[in-house]
């Protein structure tokens, strides 16, 4: 709930797309579920990906 409230306070709204560019950590998981809880779209990005892999 705290993550969800933080995202809402930051101006992230339902259906907003939010990139999660981080390693798999407990914080990543909390962020992911916080975004899902408010109806935002979490877009996980592998921090080890090269530019060619991203575009």
N, C-alpha and C. Protein backbone atom coordinates (compact mmCIF):
# COMPACT_ATOMS: atom_id res chain seq x y z
N UNK A 1 0.82 -1.20 0.00
CA UNK A 1 0.00 0.00 0.00
C UNK A 1 0.86 1.26 0.00
N UNK A 2 1.98 1.23 0.70
CA UNK A 2 2.83 2.41 0.78
C UNK A 2 3.43 2.74 -0.59
N UNK A 3 3.84 1.72 -1.33
CA UNK A 3 4.37 1.95 -2.68
C UNK A 3 3.29 2.55 -3.57
N UNK A 4 2.10 2.01 -3.50
CA UNK A 4 0.99 2.51 -4.32
C UNK A 4 0.70 3.97 -4.00
N UNK A 5 0.65 4.30 -2.73
CA UNK A 5 0.41 5.70 -2.33
C UNK A 5 1.53 6.61 -2.82
N UNK A 6 2.76 6.13 -2.76
CA UNK A 6 3.89 6.92 -3.24
C UNK A 6 3.81 7.19 -4.73
N UNK A 7 3.41 6.19 -5.50
CA UNK A 7 3.27 6.40 -6.94
C UNK A 7 2.15 7.40 -7.24
N UNK A 8 1.03 7.28 -6.54
CA UNK A 8 -0.06 8.23 -6.74
C UNK A 8 0.38 9.64 -6.38
N UNK A 9 1.11 9.78 -5.28
CA UNK A 9 1.59 11.10 -4.85
C UNK A 9 2.58 11.68 -5.86
N UNK A 10 3.28 10.81 -6.58
CA UNK A 10 4.24 11.26 -7.59
C UNK A 10 3.55 11.61 -8.92
N UNK A 11 2.24 11.43 -8.97
CA UNK A 11 1.50 11.80 -10.18
C UNK A 11 1.31 10.67 -11.18
N UNK A 12 1.61 9.45 -10.78
CA UNK A 12 1.39 8.30 -11.66
C UNK A 12 -0.06 7.87 -11.50
N UNK A 13 -0.74 7.73 -12.62
CA UNK A 13 -2.17 7.43 -12.63
C UNK A 13 -2.45 6.07 -13.26
N UNK A 14 -3.67 5.56 -13.06
CA UNK A 14 -4.04 4.32 -13.72
C UNK A 14 -3.82 4.42 -15.23
N UNK A 15 -3.37 3.35 -15.83
CA UNK A 15 -3.09 3.21 -17.25
C UNK A 15 -1.80 3.91 -17.69
N UNK A 16 -1.10 4.60 -16.78
CA UNK A 16 0.21 5.15 -17.12
C UNK A 16 1.19 4.00 -17.29
N UNK A 17 2.11 4.14 -18.22
CA UNK A 17 3.16 3.13 -18.42
C UNK A 17 4.40 3.60 -17.68
N UNK A 18 4.95 2.73 -16.84
CA UNK A 18 6.11 3.08 -16.02
C UNK A 18 7.19 2.03 -16.23
N UNK A 19 8.37 2.47 -16.68
CA UNK A 19 9.49 1.56 -16.88
C UNK A 19 10.14 1.25 -15.53
N UNK A 20 10.40 -0.02 -15.30
CA UNK A 20 11.15 -0.45 -14.12
C UNK A 20 12.50 -0.96 -14.61
N UNK A 21 13.49 -0.08 -14.56
CA UNK A 21 14.83 -0.41 -15.06
C UNK A 21 15.71 -0.66 -13.85
N UNK A 22 15.71 -1.89 -13.39
CA UNK A 22 16.46 -2.23 -12.18
C UNK A 22 16.67 -3.74 -12.11
N UNK A 23 17.58 -4.13 -11.27
CA UNK A 23 17.82 -5.56 -11.05
C UNK A 23 16.67 -6.14 -10.22
N UNK A 24 16.56 -7.45 -10.23
CA UNK A 24 15.53 -8.12 -9.43
C UNK A 24 15.90 -8.04 -7.96
N UNK A 25 15.23 -7.17 -7.25
CA UNK A 25 15.45 -6.97 -5.82
C UNK A 25 14.08 -6.92 -5.14
N UNK A 26 14.05 -6.98 -3.82
CA UNK A 26 12.77 -6.82 -3.13
C UNK A 26 12.11 -5.48 -3.45
N UNK A 27 12.91 -4.43 -3.62
CA UNK A 27 12.35 -3.11 -3.94
C UNK A 27 11.69 -3.12 -5.33
N UNK A 28 12.30 -3.85 -6.26
CA UNK A 28 11.71 -3.96 -7.60
C UNK A 28 10.33 -4.61 -7.49
N UNK A 29 10.25 -5.68 -6.71
CA UNK A 29 8.99 -6.39 -6.56
C UNK A 29 7.93 -5.51 -5.90
N UNK A 30 8.30 -4.76 -4.88
CA UNK A 30 7.36 -3.84 -4.24
C UNK A 30 6.89 -2.77 -5.21
N UNK A 31 7.80 -2.27 -6.03
CA UNK A 31 7.43 -1.26 -7.03
C UNK A 31 6.47 -1.86 -8.05
N UNK A 32 6.78 -3.05 -8.52
CA UNK A 32 5.93 -3.72 -9.51
C UNK A 32 4.50 -3.87 -8.97
N UNK A 33 4.37 -4.42 -7.78
CA UNK A 33 3.04 -4.64 -7.22
C UNK A 33 2.35 -3.33 -6.85
N UNK A 34 3.11 -2.31 -6.45
CA UNK A 34 2.52 -1.00 -6.18
C UNK A 34 1.91 -0.40 -7.44
N UNK A 35 2.62 -0.54 -8.56
CA UNK A 35 2.10 -0.02 -9.83
C UNK A 35 0.85 -0.79 -10.26
N UNK A 36 0.90 -2.10 -10.14
CA UNK A 36 -0.26 -2.91 -10.51
C UNK A 36 -1.46 -2.57 -9.63
N UNK A 37 -1.20 -2.32 -8.36
CA UNK A 37 -2.28 -2.03 -7.41
C UNK A 37 -3.05 -0.76 -7.80
N UNK A 38 -2.35 0.24 -8.36
CA UNK A 38 -3.04 1.48 -8.74
C UNK A 38 -3.55 1.44 -10.18
N UNK A 39 -3.29 0.33 -10.88
CA UNK A 39 -3.78 0.20 -12.24
C UNK A 39 -2.83 0.73 -13.30
N UNK A 40 -1.60 1.03 -12.91
CA UNK A 40 -0.60 1.47 -13.88
C UNK A 40 -0.01 0.24 -14.57
N UNK A 41 0.69 0.47 -15.66
CA UNK A 41 1.29 -0.61 -16.43
C UNK A 41 2.79 -0.62 -16.17
N UNK A 42 3.26 -1.66 -15.50
CA UNK A 42 4.69 -1.79 -15.21
C UNK A 42 5.38 -2.40 -16.43
N UNK A 43 6.46 -1.74 -16.88
CA UNK A 43 7.22 -2.22 -18.03
C UNK A 43 8.61 -2.57 -17.55
N UNK A 44 8.86 -3.85 -17.23
CA UNK A 44 10.19 -4.23 -16.75
C UNK A 44 11.22 -4.18 -17.87
N UNK A 45 12.38 -3.60 -17.57
CA UNK A 45 13.48 -3.51 -18.52
C UNK A 45 14.72 -4.11 -17.88
N UNK A 46 15.36 -5.01 -18.60
CA UNK A 46 16.58 -5.65 -18.11
C UNK A 46 17.71 -4.62 -18.07
N UNK A 47 18.29 -4.35 -16.89
CA UNK A 47 19.35 -3.35 -16.81
C UNK A 47 20.62 -3.76 -17.55
N UNK A 48 20.73 -5.03 -17.92
CA UNK A 48 21.90 -5.50 -18.67
C UNK A 48 21.67 -5.48 -20.18
N UNK A 49 20.50 -5.06 -20.61
CA UNK A 49 20.19 -5.05 -22.04
C UNK A 49 21.03 -3.98 -22.75
N UNK A 50 21.44 -4.31 -23.96
CA UNK A 50 22.17 -3.34 -24.77
C UNK A 50 21.18 -2.46 -25.52
N UNK A 51 21.66 -1.37 -26.06
CA UNK A 51 20.80 -0.46 -26.80
C UNK A 51 20.14 -1.18 -27.98
N UNK A 52 20.88 -2.08 -28.62
CA UNK A 52 20.32 -2.82 -29.75
C UNK A 52 19.15 -3.70 -29.31
N UNK A 53 19.21 -4.22 -28.10
CA UNK A 53 18.13 -5.07 -27.60
C UNK A 53 16.90 -4.27 -27.20
N UNK A 54 17.09 -3.00 -26.86
CA UNK A 54 15.97 -2.19 -26.40
C UNK A 54 15.19 -1.56 -27.55
N UNK A 55 15.86 -1.29 -28.66
CA UNK A 55 15.18 -0.58 -29.75
C UNK A 55 15.12 -1.39 -31.00
